[in-house]
Amino acid sequence: MLGVRSSHRCGNISCATQLLRHAVTISDISLRDAAIDGRGGTVAATNEDRAALLGELVTRSIPGWAIAVVRLNSAVAGRLGVTDTDVLCLHVLDRYGPATPGALAKRVNLTTGSASRMIDRLVAAGCVRRVPDPADRRRVLIEPTQEGRDRAATAYAGLVARTHAELAGYTEEELRTLARFMAAAERDTAAEAQHFQSTAPGD
């Protein structure tokens, strides 16, 4: 994450390496389906395999990965001496860059008051700092400090190492498949979050 953006993103990818194996297998099944000579039984069998793989991916692999990410971030929060939401804020800053307190509040789904207290904690922990907005000196931006980057890099170093070791055996095509899936997963999850935040229960 902070200061090691590409490595941190690899860390997130590491959690999803099993998803890639599913995606590649599903792709292989699709190719086999296209080559079938019309024998219905074989087509039905491969379609059932595909459905089973998709079910495993959606109902087990992705939720399992999400749980693992939450557990890891919670452990990192404990190591840094901050809260889980504070670590989410650090991820947001790493992903989207310096932000105003109001923008951060929206990104992590906090009220402005709660976001202000979160920023105070992160400043006290040495992880972020307040700086003038170069585009409007009347505004303040929140950005990670070098100390925050270094501490976060140390906390995620183990996952980064596991990631590089895991991905070393992947082909370029597999990596592209994984990158495409991760981009779609981020987009779809963000859209669902926006839907929940903008609609009343039952809509």
N, C-alpha and C. Protein backbone atom coordinates (compact mmCIF):
# COMPACT_ATOMS: atom_id res chain seq x y z
N MET A 1 0.83 -1.18 0.00
CA MET A 1 0.00 0.00 0.00
C MET A 1 0.87 1.23 0.00
N LEU A 2 0.84 2.07 1.03
CA LEU A 2 1.49 3.36 1.05
C LEU A 2 2.95 3.24 0.69
N GLY A 3 3.35 3.91 -0.39
CA GLY A 3 4.73 3.91 -0.79
C GLY A 3 5.14 2.69 -1.59
N VAL A 4 4.33 1.65 -1.55
CA VAL A 4 4.61 0.44 -2.34
C VAL A 4 3.32 0.04 -3.04
N ARG A 5 2.79 0.98 -3.79
CA ARG A 5 1.45 0.80 -4.34
C ARG A 5 1.35 -0.45 -5.19
N SER A 6 2.32 -0.67 -6.08
CA SER A 6 2.23 -1.86 -6.93
C SER A 6 2.36 -3.13 -6.11
N SER A 7 3.20 -3.12 -5.09
CA SER A 7 3.36 -4.30 -4.25
C SER A 7 2.10 -4.58 -3.47
N HIS A 8 1.47 -3.52 -2.96
CA HIS A 8 0.24 -3.72 -2.19
C HIS A 8 -0.86 -4.29 -3.06
N ARG A 9 -0.95 -3.78 -4.29
CA ARG A 9 -1.98 -4.31 -5.18
C ARG A 9 -1.70 -5.76 -5.49
N CYS A 10 -0.43 -6.10 -5.60
CA CYS A 10 -0.10 -7.52 -5.75
C CYS A 10 -0.56 -8.29 -4.53
N GLY A 11 -0.49 -7.65 -3.35
CA GLY A 11 -0.96 -8.31 -2.14
C GLY A 11 -2.42 -8.65 -2.22
N ASN A 12 -3.20 -7.71 -2.73
CA ASN A 12 -4.61 -7.99 -2.91
C ASN A 12 -4.81 -9.10 -3.94
N ILE A 13 -4.01 -9.08 -5.00
CA ILE A 13 -4.12 -10.12 -6.01
C ILE A 13 -3.78 -11.47 -5.43
N SER A 14 -2.83 -11.50 -4.49
CA SER A 14 -2.44 -12.77 -3.89
C SER A 14 -3.63 -13.45 -3.25
N CYS A 15 -4.49 -12.66 -2.60
CA CYS A 15 -5.67 -13.23 -1.97
C CYS A 15 -6.60 -13.85 -3.00
N ALA A 16 -6.46 -13.44 -4.28
CA ALA A 16 -7.40 -13.91 -5.31
C ALA A 16 -6.78 -14.90 -6.27
N THR A 17 -5.62 -15.42 -5.96
CA THR A 17 -4.98 -16.33 -6.91
C THR A 17 -5.82 -17.57 -7.17
N GLN A 18 -6.51 -18.05 -6.13
CA GLN A 18 -7.36 -19.22 -6.34
C GLN A 18 -8.51 -18.90 -7.29
N LEU A 19 -8.95 -17.64 -7.26
CA LEU A 19 -10.02 -17.23 -8.17
C LEU A 19 -9.55 -17.35 -9.62
N LEU A 20 -8.28 -17.04 -9.85
CA LEU A 20 -7.76 -17.14 -11.20
C LEU A 20 -7.81 -18.57 -11.69
N ARG A 21 -7.44 -19.51 -10.83
CA ARG A 21 -7.46 -20.91 -11.23
C ARG A 21 -8.87 -21.31 -11.66
N HIS A 22 -9.89 -20.83 -10.90
CA HIS A 22 -11.28 -21.10 -11.28
C HIS A 22 -11.58 -20.47 -12.63
N ALA A 23 -11.16 -19.20 -12.80
CA ALA A 23 -11.48 -18.49 -14.04
C ALA A 23 -10.85 -19.16 -15.24
N VAL A 24 -9.61 -19.60 -15.08
CA VAL A 24 -8.93 -20.27 -16.19
C VAL A 24 -9.62 -21.59 -16.51
N THR A 25 -10.01 -22.33 -15.46
CA THR A 25 -10.69 -23.61 -15.68
C THR A 25 -12.01 -23.39 -16.40
N ILE A 26 -12.75 -22.36 -15.96
CA ILE A 26 -14.02 -22.04 -16.62
C ILE A 26 -13.78 -21.70 -18.09
N SER A 27 -12.73 -20.94 -18.36
CA SER A 27 -12.40 -20.59 -19.73
C SER A 27 -12.09 -21.83 -20.55
N ASP A 28 -11.35 -22.76 -19.96
CA ASP A 28 -11.03 -24.01 -20.65
C ASP A 28 -12.30 -24.78 -20.99
N ILE A 29 -13.25 -24.82 -20.04
CA ILE A 29 -14.50 -25.53 -20.28
C ILE A 29 -15.26 -24.88 -21.43
N SER A 30 -15.24 -23.53 -21.50
CA SER A 30 -15.93 -22.85 -22.58
C SER A 30 -15.34 -23.24 -23.93
N LEU A 31 -14.00 -23.35 -23.97
CA LEU A 31 -13.35 -23.75 -25.21
C LEU A 31 -13.75 -25.17 -25.60
N ARG A 32 -13.84 -26.06 -24.61
CA ARG A 32 -14.24 -27.43 -24.90
C ARG A 32 -15.67 -27.47 -25.42
N ASP A 33 -16.54 -26.63 -24.81
CA ASP A 33 -17.92 -26.58 -25.26
C ASP A 33 -17.99 -26.22 -26.75
N ALA A 34 -17.14 -25.26 -27.14
CA ALA A 34 -17.16 -24.80 -28.53
C ALA A 34 -16.71 -25.89 -29.49
N ALA A 35 -15.92 -26.83 -28.97
CA ALA A 35 -15.38 -27.88 -29.83
C ALA A 35 -16.26 -29.13 -29.86
N ILE A 36 -17.30 -29.17 -29.03
CA ILE A 36 -18.16 -30.35 -29.00
C ILE A 36 -18.85 -30.55 -30.35
N ASP A 37 -18.99 -31.78 -30.76
CA ASP A 37 -19.53 -32.06 -32.09
C ASP A 37 -21.05 -32.22 -32.09
N GLY A 38 -21.70 -31.77 -31.02
CA GLY A 38 -23.14 -31.83 -31.01
C GLY A 38 -23.72 -32.91 -30.15
N ARG A 39 -22.91 -33.72 -29.51
CA ARG A 39 -23.44 -34.78 -28.64
C ARG A 39 -23.97 -34.13 -27.36
N GLY A 40 -25.28 -34.12 -27.21
CA GLY A 40 -25.92 -33.39 -26.12
C GLY A 40 -25.44 -33.77 -24.75
N GLY A 41 -25.17 -35.06 -24.52
CA GLY A 41 -24.74 -35.49 -23.19
C GLY A 41 -23.45 -34.84 -22.76
N THR A 42 -22.50 -34.74 -23.68
CA THR A 42 -21.22 -34.12 -23.35
C THR A 42 -21.38 -32.64 -23.08
N VAL A 43 -22.19 -31.97 -23.88
CA VAL A 43 -22.45 -30.55 -23.67
C VAL A 43 -23.08 -30.33 -22.31
N ALA A 44 -24.06 -31.16 -21.96
CA ALA A 44 -24.73 -31.02 -20.67
C ALA A 44 -23.75 -31.21 -19.52
N ALA A 45 -22.85 -32.18 -19.67
CA ALA A 45 -21.89 -32.45 -18.60
C ALA A 45 -20.96 -31.27 -18.40
N THR A 46 -20.44 -30.71 -19.50
CA THR A 46 -19.52 -29.58 -19.36
C THR A 46 -20.24 -28.35 -18.84
N ASN A 47 -21.49 -28.15 -19.24
CA ASN A 47 -22.26 -27.03 -18.72
C ASN A 47 -22.49 -27.17 -17.22
N GLU A 48 -22.73 -28.40 -16.77
CA GLU A 48 -22.89 -28.64 -15.34
C GLU A 48 -21.59 -28.35 -14.60
N ASP A 49 -20.46 -28.75 -15.19
CA ASP A 49 -19.16 -28.45 -14.59
C ASP A 49 -18.96 -26.94 -14.47
N ARG A 50 -19.32 -26.23 -15.52
CA ARG A 50 -19.17 -24.78 -15.53
C ARG A 50 -20.03 -24.15 -14.44
N ALA A 51 -21.28 -24.60 -14.33
CA ALA A 51 -22.18 -24.06 -13.32
C ALA A 51 -21.64 -24.33 -11.92
N ALA A 52 -21.08 -25.53 -11.72
CA ALA A 52 -20.52 -25.87 -10.41
C ALA A 52 -19.33 -24.99 -10.08
N LEU A 53 -18.48 -24.74 -11.07
CA LEU A 53 -17.32 -23.89 -10.85
C LEU A 53 -17.72 -22.45 -10.55
N LEU A 54 -18.70 -21.95 -11.30
CA LEU A 54 -19.19 -20.60 -11.05
C LEU A 54 -19.80 -20.49 -9.66
N GLY A 55 -20.55 -21.51 -9.26
CA GLY A 55 -21.13 -21.51 -7.92
C GLY A 55 -20.07 -21.50 -6.85
N GLU A 56 -19.03 -22.30 -7.03
CA GLU A 56 -17.92 -22.33 -6.08
C GLU A 56 -17.23 -20.98 -6.01
N LEU A 57 -17.05 -20.36 -7.14
CA LEU A 57 -16.39 -19.06 -7.19
C LEU A 57 -17.19 -17.99 -6.46
N VAL A 58 -18.49 -17.92 -6.76
CA VAL A 58 -19.33 -16.84 -6.24
C VAL A 58 -19.71 -17.05 -4.78
N THR A 59 -19.98 -18.29 -4.38
CA THR A 59 -20.50 -18.53 -3.03
C THR A 59 -19.45 -18.92 -2.00
N ARG A 60 -18.25 -19.33 -2.46
CA ARG A 60 -17.24 -19.77 -1.51
C ARG A 60 -15.91 -19.03 -1.65
N SER A 61 -15.36 -19.01 -2.85
CA SER A 61 -14.02 -18.44 -3.03
C SER A 61 -14.00 -16.94 -2.75
N ILE A 62 -14.92 -16.20 -3.37
CA ILE A 62 -14.92 -14.75 -3.18
C ILE A 62 -15.25 -14.37 -1.73
N PRO A 63 -16.31 -14.94 -1.11
CA PRO A 63 -16.55 -14.63 0.30
C PRO A 63 -15.38 -15.03 1.19
N GLY A 64 -14.76 -16.17 0.91
CA GLY A 64 -13.62 -16.58 1.71
C GLY A 64 -12.47 -15.61 1.60
N TRP A 65 -12.23 -15.12 0.40
CA TRP A 65 -11.18 -14.13 0.19
C TRP A 65 -11.51 -12.83 0.94
N ALA A 66 -12.77 -12.39 0.85
CA ALA A 66 -13.17 -11.16 1.53
C ALA A 66 -12.96 -11.27 3.04
N ILE A 67 -13.29 -12.41 3.60
CA ILE A 67 -13.09 -12.63 5.04
C ILE A 67 -11.61 -12.58 5.38
N ALA A 68 -10.78 -13.20 4.54
CA ALA A 68 -9.34 -13.19 4.78
C ALA A 68 -8.78 -11.78 4.73
N VAL A 69 -9.26 -10.97 3.79
CA VAL A 69 -8.80 -9.59 3.69
C VAL A 69 -9.17 -8.80 4.93
N VAL A 70 -10.41 -8.97 5.40
CA VAL A 70 -10.85 -8.27 6.62
C VAL A 70 -9.98 -8.67 7.81
N ARG A 71 -9.70 -9.97 7.94
CA ARG A 71 -8.86 -10.45 9.05
C ARG A 71 -7.45 -9.87 8.97
N LEU A 72 -6.89 -9.86 7.76
CA LEU A 72 -5.55 -9.31 7.61
C LEU A 72 -5.50 -7.83 7.95
N ASN A 73 -6.46 -7.06 7.42
CA ASN A 73 -6.47 -5.63 7.70
C ASN A 73 -6.67 -5.34 9.18
N SER A 74 -7.47 -6.18 9.85
CA SER A 74 -7.66 -6.02 11.29
C SER A 74 -6.35 -6.27 12.03
N ALA A 75 -5.61 -7.29 11.60
CA ALA A 75 -4.31 -7.58 12.22
C ALA A 75 -3.33 -6.45 11.97
N VAL A 76 -3.34 -5.89 10.77
CA VAL A 76 -2.47 -4.76 10.46
C VAL A 76 -2.84 -3.56 11.31
N ALA A 77 -4.15 -3.33 11.49
CA ALA A 77 -4.59 -2.22 12.33
C ALA A 77 -4.03 -2.35 13.73
N GLY A 78 -4.09 -3.57 14.28
CA GLY A 78 -3.53 -3.80 15.61
C GLY A 78 -2.04 -3.53 15.65
N ARG A 79 -1.33 -3.91 14.59
CA ARG A 79 0.11 -3.69 14.53
C ARG A 79 0.44 -2.19 14.46
N LEU A 80 -0.39 -1.44 13.74
CA LEU A 80 -0.15 -0.01 13.58
C LEU A 80 -0.70 0.81 14.74
N GLY A 81 -1.51 0.20 15.58
CA GLY A 81 -2.09 0.92 16.70
C GLY A 81 -3.25 1.81 16.31
N VAL A 82 -3.99 1.41 15.26
CA VAL A 82 -5.15 2.18 14.82
C VAL A 82 -6.34 1.22 14.70
N THR A 83 -7.48 1.74 14.20
CA THR A 83 -8.66 0.90 14.06
C THR A 83 -8.75 0.32 12.65
N ASP A 84 -9.66 -0.64 12.49
CA ASP A 84 -9.87 -1.24 11.17
C ASP A 84 -10.28 -0.19 10.14
N THR A 85 -11.15 0.74 10.55
CA THR A 85 -11.58 1.80 9.64
C THR A 85 -10.43 2.71 9.27
N ASP A 86 -9.52 2.93 10.20
CA ASP A 86 -8.33 3.74 9.91
C ASP A 86 -7.50 3.09 8.81
N VAL A 87 -7.36 1.77 8.87
CA VAL A 87 -6.61 1.05 7.84
C VAL A 87 -7.34 1.16 6.50
N LEU A 88 -8.67 1.09 6.53
CA LEU A 88 -9.43 1.29 5.30
C LEU A 88 -9.12 2.66 4.71
N CYS A 89 -9.02 3.66 5.55
CA CYS A 89 -8.68 5.01 5.10
C CYS A 89 -7.32 5.02 4.42
N LEU A 90 -6.35 4.31 4.99
CA LEU A 90 -5.02 4.25 4.39
C LEU A 90 -5.07 3.58 3.01
N HIS A 91 -5.89 2.54 2.90
CA HIS A 91 -6.07 1.90 1.59
C HIS A 91 -6.68 2.87 0.59
N VAL A 92 -7.66 3.65 1.03
CA VAL A 92 -8.32 4.62 0.15
C VAL A 92 -7.31 5.66 -0.34
N LEU A 93 -6.49 6.16 0.57
CA LEU A 93 -5.49 7.15 0.19
C LEU A 93 -4.48 6.56 -0.79
N ASP A 94 -4.13 5.31 -0.58
CA ASP A 94 -3.19 4.65 -1.48
C ASP A 94 -3.81 4.45 -2.86
N ARG A 95 -5.07 4.10 -2.88
CA ARG A 95 -5.76 3.80 -4.15
C ARG A 95 -6.10 5.06 -4.93
N TYR A 96 -6.56 6.11 -4.24
CA TYR A 96 -7.08 7.28 -4.93
C TYR A 96 -6.24 8.54 -4.75
N GLY A 97 -5.25 8.51 -3.87
CA GLY A 97 -4.40 9.67 -3.66
C GLY A 97 -4.94 10.59 -2.57
N PRO A 98 -4.21 11.70 -2.29
CA PRO A 98 -4.64 12.64 -1.24
C PRO A 98 -6.07 13.09 -1.45
N ALA A 99 -6.78 13.30 -0.33
CA ALA A 99 -8.20 13.65 -0.42
C ALA A 99 -8.56 14.63 0.68
N THR A 100 -9.64 15.34 0.47
CA THR A 100 -10.17 16.21 1.51
C THR A 100 -10.82 15.35 2.59
N PRO A 101 -10.97 15.89 3.80
CA PRO A 101 -11.67 15.12 4.84
C PRO A 101 -13.07 14.69 4.41
N GLY A 102 -13.77 15.56 3.69
CA GLY A 102 -15.11 15.21 3.24
C GLY A 102 -15.12 14.06 2.26
N ALA A 103 -14.17 14.07 1.33
CA ALA A 103 -14.08 12.98 0.35
C ALA A 103 -13.71 11.67 1.04
N LEU A 104 -12.82 11.74 2.02
CA LEU A 104 -12.46 10.53 2.77
C LEU A 104 -13.66 9.98 3.51
N ALA A 105 -14.44 10.87 4.11
CA ALA A 105 -15.63 10.44 4.85
C ALA A 105 -16.56 9.63 3.95
N LYS A 106 -16.76 10.10 2.72
CA LYS A 106 -17.63 9.38 1.78
C LYS A 106 -17.03 8.04 1.39
N ARG A 107 -15.73 8.02 1.15
CA ARG A 107 -15.07 6.79 0.71
C ARG A 107 -15.15 5.67 1.76
N VAL A 108 -15.05 6.06 3.04
CA VAL A 108 -15.05 5.03 4.10
C VAL A 108 -16.40 4.96 4.81
N ASN A 109 -17.39 5.72 4.28
CA ASN A 109 -18.76 5.66 4.79
C ASN A 109 -18.87 6.08 6.25
N LEU A 110 -18.27 7.24 6.56
CA LEU A 110 -18.35 7.81 7.90
C LEU A 110 -18.99 9.18 7.84
N THR A 111 -19.54 9.62 8.97
CA THR A 111 -19.98 11.01 9.08
C THR A 111 -18.74 11.90 9.10
N THR A 112 -18.94 13.18 8.85
CA THR A 112 -17.79 14.10 8.86
C THR A 112 -17.14 14.15 10.23
N GLY A 113 -17.95 14.06 11.29
CA GLY A 113 -17.39 14.08 12.64
C GLY A 113 -16.54 12.85 12.92
N SER A 114 -17.05 11.68 12.53
CA SER A 114 -16.29 10.44 12.74
C SER A 114 -15.03 10.43 11.88
N ALA A 115 -15.13 10.96 10.66
CA ALA A 115 -13.96 11.02 9.79
C ALA A 115 -12.90 11.95 10.37
N SER A 116 -13.34 13.04 10.97
CA SER A 116 -12.39 13.96 11.60
C SER A 116 -11.63 13.29 12.73
N ARG A 117 -12.34 12.51 13.54
CA ARG A 117 -11.67 11.78 14.62
C ARG A 117 -10.73 10.70 14.07
N MET A 118 -11.14 10.07 12.98
CA MET A 118 -10.28 9.08 12.34
C MET A 118 -8.98 9.72 11.87
N ILE A 119 -9.09 10.87 11.23
CA ILE A 119 -7.90 11.58 10.76
C ILE A 119 -7.01 11.97 11.93
N ASP A 120 -7.62 12.43 13.01
CA ASP A 120 -6.84 12.78 14.21
C ASP A 120 -6.04 11.58 14.71
N ARG A 121 -6.67 10.41 14.72
CA ARG A 121 -5.96 9.20 15.18
C ARG A 121 -4.78 8.87 14.27
N LEU A 122 -5.01 8.97 12.97
CA LEU A 122 -3.96 8.63 12.02
C LEU A 122 -2.82 9.64 12.06
N VAL A 123 -3.15 10.90 12.29
CA VAL A 123 -2.11 11.92 12.46
C VAL A 123 -1.30 11.63 13.71
N ALA A 124 -1.99 11.32 14.81
CA ALA A 124 -1.30 11.01 16.07
C ALA A 124 -0.42 9.77 15.94
N ALA A 125 -0.85 8.82 15.09
CA ALA A 125 -0.08 7.60 14.88
C ALA A 125 1.07 7.80 13.90
N GLY A 126 1.14 8.99 13.31
CA GLY A 126 2.21 9.27 12.36
C GLY A 126 1.99 8.72 10.97
N CYS A 127 0.75 8.31 10.68
CA CYS A 127 0.46 7.65 9.39
C CYS A 127 0.06 8.63 8.29
N VAL A 128 -0.59 9.73 8.65
CA VAL A 128 -1.01 10.72 7.66
C VAL A 128 -0.70 12.11 8.18
N ARG A 129 -0.85 13.08 7.30
CA ARG A 129 -0.67 14.47 7.70
C ARG A 129 -1.63 15.35 6.92
N ARG A 130 -1.91 16.52 7.46
CA ARG A 130 -2.74 17.50 6.79
C ARG A 130 -1.83 18.47 6.03
N VAL A 131 -2.16 18.70 4.75
CA VAL A 131 -1.37 19.61 3.92
C VAL A 131 -2.31 20.53 3.16
N PRO A 132 -1.86 21.74 2.80
CA PRO A 132 -2.71 22.62 1.99
C PRO A 132 -2.94 22.03 0.61
N ASP A 133 -4.13 22.24 0.10
CA ASP A 133 -4.46 21.81 -1.26
C ASP A 133 -3.79 22.77 -2.24
N PRO A 134 -2.87 22.30 -3.10
CA PRO A 134 -2.19 23.21 -4.02
C PRO A 134 -3.15 23.90 -4.98
N ALA A 135 -4.32 23.32 -5.21
CA ALA A 135 -5.29 23.92 -6.12
C ALA A 135 -6.16 24.97 -5.42
N ASP A 136 -6.21 24.92 -4.11
CA ASP A 136 -7.02 25.86 -3.31
C ASP A 136 -6.45 25.88 -1.91
N ARG A 137 -5.62 26.87 -1.62
CA ARG A 137 -4.90 26.91 -0.34
C ARG A 137 -5.84 27.03 0.85
N ARG A 138 -7.10 27.32 0.61
CA ARG A 138 -8.05 27.39 1.73
C ARG A 138 -8.48 26.01 2.18
N ARG A 139 -8.26 25.02 1.34
CA ARG A 139 -8.67 23.64 1.67
C ARG A 139 -7.49 22.84 2.18
N VAL A 140 -7.82 21.78 2.91
CA VAL A 140 -6.80 20.87 3.46
C VAL A 140 -6.96 19.50 2.81
N LEU A 141 -5.84 18.88 2.49
CA LEU A 141 -5.83 17.51 1.99
C LEU A 141 -5.18 16.60 3.02
N ILE A 142 -5.59 15.36 3.01
CA ILE A 142 -4.97 14.34 3.87
C ILE A 142 -4.12 13.46 2.97
N GLU A 143 -2.86 13.26 3.36
CA GLU A 143 -1.97 12.40 2.59
C GLU A 143 -1.14 11.55 3.53
N PRO A 144 -0.69 10.38 3.09
CA PRO A 144 0.14 9.52 3.94
C PRO A 144 1.52 10.12 4.15
N THR A 145 2.09 9.88 5.31
CA THR A 145 3.46 10.30 5.59
C THR A 145 4.43 9.20 5.15
N GLN A 146 5.71 9.55 5.07
CA GLN A 146 6.69 8.52 4.74
C GLN A 146 6.74 7.46 5.83
N GLU A 147 6.60 7.90 7.08
CA GLU A 147 6.57 6.93 8.18
C GLU A 147 5.39 5.97 8.01
N GLY A 148 4.24 6.53 7.64
CA GLY A 148 3.07 5.68 7.42
C GLY A 148 3.29 4.69 6.29
N ARG A 149 3.89 5.17 5.21
CA ARG A 149 4.20 4.27 4.09
C ARG A 149 5.12 3.14 4.52
N ASP A 150 6.17 3.51 5.26
CA ASP A 150 7.15 2.50 5.68
C ASP A 150 6.54 1.47 6.61
N ARG A 151 5.73 1.94 7.56
CA ARG A 151 5.12 1.01 8.51
C ARG A 151 4.13 0.09 7.82
N ALA A 152 3.36 0.64 6.89
CA ALA A 152 2.41 -0.19 6.15
C ALA A 152 3.14 -1.20 5.27
N ALA A 153 4.23 -0.76 4.63
CA ALA A 153 4.99 -1.67 3.79
C ALA A 153 5.53 -2.83 4.60
N THR A 154 6.00 -2.55 5.81
CA THR A 154 6.49 -3.61 6.69
C THR A 154 5.37 -4.56 7.07
N ALA A 155 4.20 -4.00 7.38
CA ALA A 155 3.07 -4.83 7.82
C ALA A 155 2.61 -5.78 6.72
N TYR A 156 2.66 -5.33 5.47
CA TYR A 156 2.17 -6.15 4.35
C TYR A 156 3.29 -6.90 3.63
N ALA A 157 4.51 -6.81 4.15
CA ALA A 157 5.66 -7.42 3.45
C ALA A 157 5.49 -8.92 3.27
N GLY A 158 4.96 -9.60 4.28
CA GLY A 158 4.79 -11.04 4.17
C GLY A 158 3.84 -11.42 3.06
N LEU A 159 2.71 -10.71 2.95
CA LEU A 159 1.75 -11.00 1.89
C LEU A 159 2.34 -10.68 0.52
N VAL A 160 3.09 -9.59 0.44
CA VAL A 160 3.71 -9.23 -0.83
C VAL A 160 4.67 -10.33 -1.29
N ALA A 161 5.46 -10.85 -0.35
CA ALA A 161 6.39 -11.93 -0.70
C ALA A 161 5.65 -13.18 -1.17
N ARG A 162 4.57 -13.52 -0.46
CA ARG A 162 3.76 -14.68 -0.86
C ARG A 162 3.18 -14.46 -2.27
N THR A 163 2.78 -13.22 -2.53
CA THR A 163 2.18 -12.89 -3.81
C THR A 163 3.16 -13.13 -4.95
N HIS A 164 4.35 -12.57 -4.80
CA HIS A 164 5.33 -12.72 -5.88
C HIS A 164 5.67 -14.19 -6.11
N ALA A 165 5.78 -14.94 -5.03
CA ALA A 165 6.09 -16.37 -5.17
C ALA A 165 4.95 -17.10 -5.87
N GLU A 166 3.70 -16.75 -5.53
CA GLU A 166 2.54 -17.40 -6.13
C GLU A 166 2.40 -17.06 -7.61
N LEU A 167 2.60 -15.78 -7.93
CA LEU A 167 2.38 -15.33 -9.31
C LEU A 167 3.52 -15.70 -10.24
N ALA A 168 4.65 -16.12 -9.69
CA ALA A 168 5.81 -16.45 -10.53
C ALA A 168 5.50 -17.57 -11.52
N GLY A 169 4.59 -18.45 -11.14
CA GLY A 169 4.26 -19.57 -12.02
C GLY A 169 3.11 -19.31 -12.97
N TYR A 170 2.59 -18.10 -12.98
CA TYR A 170 1.46 -17.78 -13.84
C TYR A 170 1.93 -17.33 -15.22
N THR A 171 1.18 -17.67 -16.23
CA THR A 171 1.47 -17.18 -17.57
C THR A 171 0.95 -15.75 -17.71
N GLU A 172 1.40 -15.07 -18.74
CA GLU A 172 0.93 -13.71 -18.98
C GLU A 172 -0.58 -13.71 -19.23
N GLU A 173 -1.06 -14.72 -19.93
CA GLU A 173 -2.50 -14.81 -20.20
C GLU A 173 -3.29 -14.97 -18.90
N GLU A 174 -2.78 -15.79 -17.99
CA GLU A 174 -3.45 -15.97 -16.70
C GLU A 174 -3.46 -14.66 -15.91
N LEU A 175 -2.35 -13.94 -15.94
CA LEU A 175 -2.28 -12.68 -15.22
C LEU A 175 -3.26 -11.67 -15.80
N ARG A 176 -3.39 -11.64 -17.11
CA ARG A 176 -4.35 -10.74 -17.74
C ARG A 176 -5.78 -11.12 -17.36
N THR A 177 -6.05 -12.41 -17.29
CA THR A 177 -7.38 -12.87 -16.88
C THR A 177 -7.68 -12.42 -15.46
N LEU A 178 -6.71 -12.57 -14.58
CA LEU A 178 -6.89 -12.16 -13.20
C LEU A 178 -7.08 -10.66 -13.08
N ALA A 179 -6.26 -9.89 -13.81
CA ALA A 179 -6.38 -8.43 -13.76
C ALA A 179 -7.74 -7.98 -14.25
N ARG A 180 -8.24 -8.62 -15.32
CA ARG A 180 -9.56 -8.26 -15.84
C ARG A 180 -10.66 -8.59 -14.84
N PHE A 181 -10.54 -9.75 -14.20
CA PHE A 181 -11.54 -10.13 -13.20
C PHE A 181 -11.51 -9.18 -12.01
N MET A 182 -10.32 -8.83 -11.53
CA MET A 182 -10.21 -7.96 -10.36
C MET A 182 -10.80 -6.58 -10.66
N ALA A 183 -10.55 -6.06 -11.87
CA ALA A 183 -11.10 -4.77 -12.24
C ALA A 183 -12.63 -4.82 -12.27
N ALA A 184 -13.17 -5.91 -12.81
CA ALA A 184 -14.62 -6.06 -12.85
C ALA A 184 -15.20 -6.22 -11.45
N ALA A 185 -14.50 -6.97 -10.60
CA ALA A 185 -14.98 -7.18 -9.23
C ALA A 185 -15.01 -5.86 -8.46
N GLU A 186 -13.98 -5.04 -8.64
CA GLU A 186 -13.97 -3.73 -7.97
C GLU A 186 -15.12 -2.87 -8.47
N ARG A 187 -15.32 -2.84 -9.77
CA ARG A 187 -16.37 -2.02 -10.35
C ARG A 187 -17.75 -2.48 -9.88
N ASP A 188 -18.00 -3.78 -9.91
CA ASP A 188 -19.31 -4.30 -9.52
C ASP A 188 -19.59 -4.11 -8.04
N THR A 189 -18.56 -4.31 -7.21
CA THR A 189 -18.75 -4.13 -5.77
C THR A 189 -19.02 -2.68 -5.44
N ALA A 190 -18.30 -1.76 -6.10
CA ALA A 190 -18.53 -0.33 -5.88
C ALA A 190 -19.94 0.06 -6.30
N ALA A 191 -20.43 -0.52 -7.40
CA ALA A 191 -21.78 -0.22 -7.86
C ALA A 191 -22.82 -0.72 -6.86
N GLU A 192 -22.60 -1.90 -6.28
CA GLU A 192 -23.53 -2.42 -5.28
C GLU A 192 -23.52 -1.55 -4.03
N ALA A 193 -22.34 -1.11 -3.61
CA ALA A 193 -22.25 -0.24 -2.44
C ALA A 193 -23.01 1.06 -2.68
N GLN A 194 -22.84 1.63 -3.88
CA GLN A 194 -23.55 2.85 -4.22
C GLN A 194 -25.05 2.63 -4.22
N HIS A 195 -25.48 1.48 -4.71
CA HIS A 195 -26.91 1.16 -4.73
C HIS A 195 -27.47 1.11 -3.32
N PHE A 196 -26.77 0.44 -2.41
CA PHE A 196 -27.24 0.34 -1.04
C PHE A 196 -27.31 1.70 -0.37
N GLN A 197 -26.34 2.55 -0.66
CA GLN A 197 -26.28 3.86 -0.01
C GLN A 197 -27.31 4.84 -0.56
N SER A 198 -27.79 4.58 -1.77
CA SER A 198 -28.69 5.54 -2.41
C SER A 198 -30.15 5.09 -2.45
N THR A 199 -30.44 3.90 -1.94
CA THR A 199 -31.81 3.40 -1.96
C THR A 199 -32.25 2.99 -0.56
N ALA A 200 -33.55 3.04 -0.35
CA ALA A 200 -34.11 2.61 0.93
C ALA A 200 -34.26 1.10 0.95
N PRO A 201 -34.29 0.49 2.14
CA PRO A 201 -34.49 -0.97 2.23
C PRO A 201 -35.76 -1.39 1.50
N GLY A 202 -35.65 -2.45 0.71
CA GLY A 202 -36.80 -2.96 -0.02
C GLY A 202 -36.94 -2.43 -1.42
N ASP A 203 -36.17 -1.37 -1.76
CA ASP A 203 -36.24 -0.82 -3.12
C ASP A 203 -35.52 -1.73 -4.10
